[in-house]
Amino acid sequence: MMRKINLVIVTSFIVLALAACNSAPIATPGPVTTGAAPSATTGAVTPVVTSSAFAAERAALQAGDTTTAIAGLQNAVGNTPGSAEAHLLLAQAYFRAQRKDEATQEFMAGLSLDAKAALPLETKDVDELLQVGNAHASLGQFEEALAVYQAVLQLKPDKAAAHTNIGVVYYQSGRLDEAVTELKKALEIDPKDAETEYMLGAAYVQQQKLDDAETAFNQAIALKPDLAAAYTGLGNVYLARKNTDKAVSTLQKATTLQPNQAEAWLALGQAFALQGNKVEAAKALNQCLQTSQPGPLRDQCTKVLQQVSTP
């Protein structure tokens, strides 16, 4: 099973987690911001940079001495915090030392300074490249992320996580047909990946293919019964069909599994409101306000709560 990075993609009611490499969890999640659709790209990763900077640390890392390299590069980053190269080289050192969360932070720090920055050390490690691609995607650098994911597939065509991540980037860019194609490719390689099934359901929802979405969400739940987001997606399918009884029971399951999932509380409040149960609707919507961050989702919670509270 692929583990996930903490990258969150928010739609009207769906939260997606971007697939990461087998060995590294995703954790950012700062939400990915929706941007213009990136152009299709099949290019390789940006060429490795040739630089005389940080020569001692680079030599230590190439010799496998990650402890020395990390100590020197931590000092370098402290002295030159604006150096993308220093951050990226430190990220590669952390990755080689199996300190994946810290690697993610440094990849993002370096790429936030320069989205086109090259990796200081050449790598053909597909998991390391996936982490670089995930950092680009987390920063909304979709074209660069696609280039890295395509490079992963050139090295390892059966890497399901790369197809999943390409699918999520396409989803974020509104290229839904391409997203579905990539997610299906991932599932052909790894048919037991519940999170990718869930993402496929989310794409189907955006295409208004509710029957296909229901099938995908149910499959995700069958594969991973505690996947709260899949219950949220399925509950919203029922809500769209005005099947409020099923919507309520399914969304209650989602909020039980993940009490801080604001999207589920919003949908649950809407389901109760459609049933005419204003008391329970208000409770759910207040939970939405408590668990959401400032932004469109909280604004929607407030709007629906005001409607419910109106005599």
Protein backbone atom coordinates (compact mmCIF):
# COMPACT_ATOMS: atom_id res chain seq x y z
CA MET A 1 0.00 0.00 0.00
CA MET A 2 1.29 3.43 -0.88
CA ARG A 3 1.62 5.80 2.01
CA LYS A 4 0.38 9.32 1.56
CA ILE A 5 1.91 12.71 1.77
CA ASN A 6 0.09 15.32 3.74
CA LEU A 7 -1.01 17.24 0.75
CA VAL A 8 -4.69 18.19 0.83
CA ILE A 9 -6.83 19.01 -2.15
CA VAL A 10 -10.15 20.59 -1.30
CA THR A 11 -13.13 20.56 -3.65
CA SER A 12 -16.71 21.51 -2.85
CA PHE A 13 -16.85 18.58 -0.47
CA ILE A 14 -13.95 16.25 -1.14
CA VAL A 15 -10.49 16.12 0.39
CA LEU A 16 -7.82 14.26 -1.53
CA ALA A 17 -4.50 13.08 -0.25
CA LEU A 18 -1.72 13.01 -2.77
CA ALA A 19 -0.04 9.63 -3.05
CA ALA A 20 3.60 9.51 -2.11
CA CYS A 21 6.29 6.93 -2.29
CA ASN A 22 6.12 3.62 -0.48
CA SER A 23 8.68 4.69 2.08
CA ALA A 24 7.69 8.24 2.85
CA PRO A 25 4.54 9.66 4.40
CA ILE A 26 3.07 12.90 3.12
CA ALA A 27 2.66 15.46 5.62
CA THR A 28 2.17 19.01 4.62
CA PRO A 29 -0.60 19.46 3.91
CA GLY A 30 -0.88 22.89 3.25
CA PRO A 31 -3.69 22.89 0.81
CA VAL A 32 -2.75 22.87 -2.84
CA THR A 33 -4.00 26.00 -4.48
CA THR A 34 -5.86 25.67 -7.72
CA GLY A 35 -3.94 27.17 -10.56
CA ALA A 36 -4.09 27.35 -14.30
CA ALA A 37 -3.93 24.00 -16.01
CA PRO A 38 -0.32 23.08 -16.65
CA SER A 39 0.71 22.22 -20.13
CA ALA A 40 1.29 18.55 -20.81
CA THR A 41 4.89 17.69 -20.13
CA THR A 42 6.95 14.61 -20.65
CA GLY A 43 10.36 16.11 -20.03
CA ALA A 44 12.88 14.78 -17.56
CA VAL A 45 13.72 16.32 -14.24
CA THR A 46 15.66 19.59 -14.35
CA PRO A 47 19.33 18.71 -15.01
CA VAL A 48 21.55 18.26 -12.00
CA VAL A 49 23.23 21.48 -11.02
CA THR A 50 27.01 21.74 -11.26
CA SER A 51 28.30 23.93 -8.45
CA SER A 52 31.41 24.29 -6.34
CA ALA A 53 29.34 25.43 -3.37
CA PHE A 54 29.11 23.16 -0.34
CA ALA A 55 31.88 20.97 -1.76
CA ALA A 56 32.77 19.32 1.55
CA GLU A 57 29.16 18.48 2.33
CA ARG A 58 28.59 17.22 -1.19
CA ALA A 59 31.66 14.99 -0.97
CA ALA A 60 30.57 13.63 2.41
CA LEU A 61 27.13 12.83 1.06
CA GLN A 62 28.54 11.12 -2.01
CA ALA A 63 30.72 9.04 0.32
CA GLY A 64 27.66 7.98 2.28
CA ASP A 65 28.52 10.06 5.36
CA THR A 66 25.10 11.62 5.89
CA THR A 67 25.86 12.70 9.47
CA THR A 68 28.72 14.96 8.41
CA ALA A 69 26.84 16.22 5.38
CA ILE A 70 23.71 17.07 7.38
CA ALA A 71 25.66 18.90 10.10
CA GLY A 72 27.47 21.04 7.52
CA LEU A 73 24.36 21.72 5.48
CA GLN A 74 22.31 22.69 8.52
CA ASN A 75 24.93 25.35 9.20
CA ALA A 76 24.90 26.36 5.53
CA VAL A 77 21.13 26.78 5.53
CA GLY A 78 21.35 28.84 8.70
CA ASN A 79 24.00 31.09 7.16
CA THR A 80 22.42 31.32 3.69
CA PRO A 81 18.66 30.74 4.14
CA GLY A 82 17.99 32.14 0.68
CA SER A 83 20.04 29.46 -1.08
CA ALA A 84 17.77 27.00 -2.87
CA GLU A 85 20.78 24.79 -3.50
CA ALA A 86 21.58 24.53 0.20
CA HIS A 87 18.02 23.55 1.06
CA LEU A 88 17.81 20.99 -1.73
CA LEU A 89 21.16 19.42 -0.89
CA LEU A 90 20.10 19.19 2.76
CA ALA A 91 16.83 17.61 1.62
CA GLN A 92 18.75 14.98 -0.32
CA ALA A 93 20.94 14.33 2.71
CA TYR A 94 17.90 13.89 4.92
CA PHE A 95 16.34 11.55 2.37
CA ARG A 96 19.44 9.36 2.28
CA ALA A 97 19.44 9.33 6.10
CA GLN A 98 15.83 8.07 6.08
CA ARG A 99 14.63 11.33 7.64
CA LYS A 100 11.81 11.71 5.15
CA ASP A 101 9.66 14.31 6.89
CA GLU A 102 12.63 16.66 7.21
CA ALA A 103 13.51 15.97 3.58
CA THR A 104 10.01 17.04 2.56
CA GLN A 105 10.35 20.31 4.47
CA GLU A 106 13.69 21.11 2.85
CA PHE A 107 12.56 20.17 -0.66
CA MET A 108 9.64 22.55 -0.23
CA ALA A 109 11.88 25.27 1.20
CA GLY A 110 14.29 25.03 -1.72
CA LEU A 111 11.63 24.84 -4.42
CA SER A 112 9.66 27.71 -2.90
CA LEU A 113 12.77 29.82 -3.43
CA ASP A 114 13.26 28.62 -7.00
CA ALA A 115 10.73 26.37 -8.72
CA LYS A 116 13.21 25.65 -11.51
CA ALA A 117 16.09 24.78 -9.20
CA ALA A 118 17.96 21.63 -10.11
CA LEU A 119 18.77 18.82 -7.74
CA PRO A 120 22.34 19.25 -6.50
CA LEU A 121 23.01 15.49 -6.69
CA GLU A 122 21.91 13.21 -9.49
CA THR A 123 19.42 10.57 -8.45
CA LYS A 124 17.56 7.72 -10.07
CA ASP A 125 15.78 6.78 -6.85
CA VAL A 126 12.12 6.91 -7.85
CA ASP A 127 10.97 7.42 -4.27
CA GLU A 128 13.24 10.43 -3.88
CA LEU A 129 11.95 11.83 -7.16
CA LEU A 130 8.38 11.27 -6.03
CA GLN A 131 9.13 13.33 -2.95
CA VAL A 132 10.48 16.12 -5.16
CA GLY A 133 7.35 15.95 -7.33
CA ASN A 134 5.14 16.04 -4.26
CA ALA A 135 6.94 19.13 -3.02
CA HIS A 136 6.31 20.85 -6.36
CA ALA A 137 2.64 19.84 -6.25
CA SER A 138 2.26 21.02 -2.65
CA LEU A 139 3.55 24.42 -3.76
CA GLY A 140 1.14 24.57 -6.70
CA GLN A 141 4.01 24.12 -9.17
CA PHE A 142 2.01 21.71 -11.29
CA GLU A 143 4.03 21.80 -14.49
CA GLU A 144 7.21 21.01 -12.60
CA ALA A 145 5.46 18.28 -10.61
CA LEU A 146 4.23 16.62 -13.80
CA ALA A 147 7.73 16.68 -15.27
CA VAL A 148 9.13 14.89 -12.22
CA TYR A 149 6.34 12.30 -12.13
CA GLN A 150 6.87 11.60 -15.83
CA ALA A 151 10.58 11.13 -15.13
CA VAL A 152 9.65 8.58 -12.46
CA LEU A 153 7.61 6.64 -15.02
CA GLN A 154 10.52 6.69 -17.45
CA LEU A 155 12.61 4.99 -14.77
CA LYS A 156 9.87 2.70 -13.48
CA PRO A 157 6.79 2.49 -15.73
CA ASP A 158 4.86 0.38 -13.21
CA LYS A 159 5.16 2.88 -10.34
CA ALA A 160 1.50 3.23 -9.38
CA ALA A 161 2.12 6.23 -7.12
CA ALA A 162 3.37 8.28 -10.06
CA HIS A 163 0.16 7.64 -12.01
CA THR A 164 -1.90 8.50 -8.92
CA ASN A 165 -0.04 11.76 -8.39
CA ILE A 166 -0.34 12.74 -12.04
CA GLY A 167 -4.05 12.03 -11.76
CA VAL A 168 -4.37 14.31 -8.74
CA VAL A 169 -2.48 17.12 -10.46
CA TYR A 170 -4.76 16.79 -13.48
CA TYR A 171 -7.75 16.80 -11.12
CA GLN A 172 -6.55 20.02 -9.53
CA SER A 173 -6.08 21.54 -12.98
CA GLY A 174 -9.61 20.66 -14.10
CA ARG A 175 -8.38 18.07 -16.60
CA LEU A 176 -10.83 15.47 -15.36
CA ASP A 177 -10.74 13.03 -18.28
CA GLU A 178 -6.96 12.81 -18.01
CA ALA A 179 -7.22 12.49 -14.23
CA VAL A 180 -9.55 9.51 -14.55
CA THR A 181 -7.25 7.88 -17.10
CA GLU A 182 -4.21 8.19 -14.82
CA LEU A 183 -6.05 7.01 -11.72
CA LYS A 184 -7.30 3.97 -13.59
CA LYS A 185 -3.74 3.22 -14.70
CA ALA A 186 -2.63 3.35 -11.07
CA LEU A 187 -5.40 0.94 -10.08
CA GLU A 188 -4.47 -1.47 -12.85
CA ILE A 189 -1.03 -1.68 -11.23
CA ASP A 190 -2.22 -1.62 -7.62
CA PRO A 191 -5.93 -2.57 -7.48
CA LYS A 192 -5.93 -2.59 -3.68
CA ASP A 193 -5.07 1.07 -3.19
CA ALA A 194 -8.10 2.47 -1.38
CA GLU A 195 -6.96 6.09 -1.54
CA THR A 196 -6.65 6.00 -5.31
CA GLU A 197 -10.13 4.46 -5.55
CA TYR A 198 -11.37 7.34 -3.46
CA MET A 199 -9.65 9.88 -5.70
CA LEU A 200 -11.23 8.22 -8.72
CA GLY A 201 -14.62 8.62 -7.07
CA ALA A 202 -13.93 12.29 -6.46
CA ALA A 203 -13.08 12.79 -10.13
CA TYR A 204 -16.27 11.04 -11.16
CA VAL A 205 -18.26 13.35 -8.88
CA GLN A 206 -16.80 16.37 -10.66
CA GLN A 207 -17.83 14.77 -13.96
CA GLN A 208 -21.36 14.28 -12.60
CA LYS A 209 -21.00 10.51 -12.98
CA LEU A 210 -22.62 9.64 -9.68
CA ASP A 211 -23.09 5.93 -10.35
CA ASP A 212 -19.40 5.53 -11.13
CA ALA A 213 -18.51 7.66 -8.12
CA GLU A 214 -20.66 5.52 -5.83
CA THR A 215 -18.96 2.37 -7.11
CA ALA A 216 -15.49 3.84 -6.55
CA PHE A 217 -16.27 5.10 -3.05
CA ASN A 218 -17.77 1.76 -2.04
CA GLN A 219 -14.70 -0.03 -3.40
CA ALA A 220 -12.46 2.31 -1.40
CA ILE A 221 -14.44 1.51 1.75
CA ALA A 222 -14.28 -2.22 1.06
CA LEU A 223 -10.50 -1.95 0.77
CA LYS A 224 -10.09 0.35 3.77
CA PRO A 225 -13.13 0.46 6.06
CA ASP A 226 -11.70 3.32 8.14
CA LEU A 227 -11.11 5.69 5.21
CA ALA A 228 -13.23 8.59 6.41
CA ALA A 229 -12.94 10.62 3.22
CA ALA A 230 -14.57 7.81 1.21
CA TYR A 231 -17.61 7.92 3.50
CA THR A 232 -17.76 11.69 3.00
CA GLY A 233 -17.69 11.24 -0.77
CA LEU A 234 -20.33 8.51 -0.67
CA GLY A 235 -22.51 10.55 1.65
CA ASN A 236 -22.38 13.45 -0.76
CA VAL A 237 -23.44 11.17 -3.59
CA TYR A 238 -26.49 10.19 -1.54
CA LEU A 239 -27.08 13.84 -0.70
CA ALA A 240 -27.01 14.78 -4.39
CA ARG A 241 -29.70 12.15 -4.97
CA LYS A 242 -31.75 13.50 -2.05
CA ASN A 243 -31.43 10.15 -0.28
CA THR A 244 -31.08 11.89 3.06
CA ASP A 245 -31.38 8.81 5.29
CA LYS A 246 -28.38 7.15 3.65
CA ALA A 247 -26.57 10.47 3.49
CA VAL A 248 -26.98 11.05 7.22
CA SER A 249 -25.88 7.57 8.28
CA THR A 250 -22.89 7.58 5.93
CA LEU A 251 -21.74 11.06 6.90
CA GLN A 252 -22.11 10.26 10.58
CA LYS A 253 -19.72 7.39 9.98
CA ALA A 254 -17.29 9.83 8.36
CA THR A 255 -17.42 12.23 11.30
CA THR A 256 -16.98 9.37 13.78
CA LEU A 257 -13.87 8.17 11.98
CA GLN A 258 -12.46 11.67 11.49
CA PRO A 259 -14.10 14.23 13.81
CA ASN A 260 -12.06 17.13 12.43
CA GLN A 261 -13.20 16.67 8.82
CA ALA A 262 -15.10 19.90 8.20
CA GLU A 263 -16.36 18.79 4.78
CA ALA A 264 -18.21 15.90 6.36
CA TRP A 265 -19.82 18.13 8.97
CA LEU A 266 -20.99 20.55 6.27
CA ALA A 267 -22.58 17.78 4.22
CA LEU A 268 -24.15 16.26 7.34
CA GLY A 269 -25.65 19.63 8.23
CA GLN A 270 -27.09 19.93 4.74
CA ALA A 271 -28.56 16.43 4.95
CA PHE A 272 -30.23 17.15 8.28
CA ALA A 273 -31.54 20.45 6.89
CA LEU A 274 -33.15 18.63 3.96
CA GLN A 275 -34.86 16.36 6.48
CA GLY A 276 -36.21 19.42 8.28
CA ASN A 277 -34.15 18.61 11.38
CA LYS A 278 -32.84 22.10 12.08
CA VAL A 279 -31.51 21.28 15.54
CA GLU A 280 -29.18 18.53 14.32
CA ALA A 281 -28.32 20.56 11.24
CA ALA A 282 -27.19 23.47 13.41
CA LYS A 283 -25.09 21.16 15.58
CA ALA A 284 -23.34 19.70 12.55
CA LEU A 285 -22.76 23.10 10.96
CA ASN A 286 -21.31 24.50 14.18
CA GLN A 287 -18.90 21.56 14.16
CA CYS A 288 -18.02 22.55 10.60
CA LEU A 289 -17.18 26.06 11.80
CA GLN A 290 -15.05 24.71 14.63
CA THR A 291 -13.05 22.34 12.42
CA SER A 292 -12.59 24.48 9.31
CA GLN A 293 -9.99 27.09 8.50
CA PRO A 294 -10.89 30.59 7.27
CA GLY A 295 -11.82 30.38 3.62
CA PRO A 296 -14.55 29.21 1.22
CA LEU A 297 -15.45 26.10 3.21
CA ARG A 298 -16.03 28.01 6.43
CA ASP A 299 -17.94 30.65 4.50
CA GLN A 300 -20.22 27.93 3.14
CA CYS A 301 -20.75 26.53 6.66
CA THR A 302 -21.72 30.00 7.86
CA LYS A 303 -24.09 30.53 4.94
CA VAL A 304 -25.92 27.24 5.44
CA LEU A 305 -26.09 27.78 9.21
CA GLN A 306 -27.69 31.17 8.66
CA GLN A 307 -30.25 29.58 6.35
CA VAL A 308 -31.04 26.89 8.90
CA SER A 309 -31.36 29.44 11.67
CA THR A 310 -33.80 31.60 9.71
CA PRO A 311 -37.36 31.06 10.95
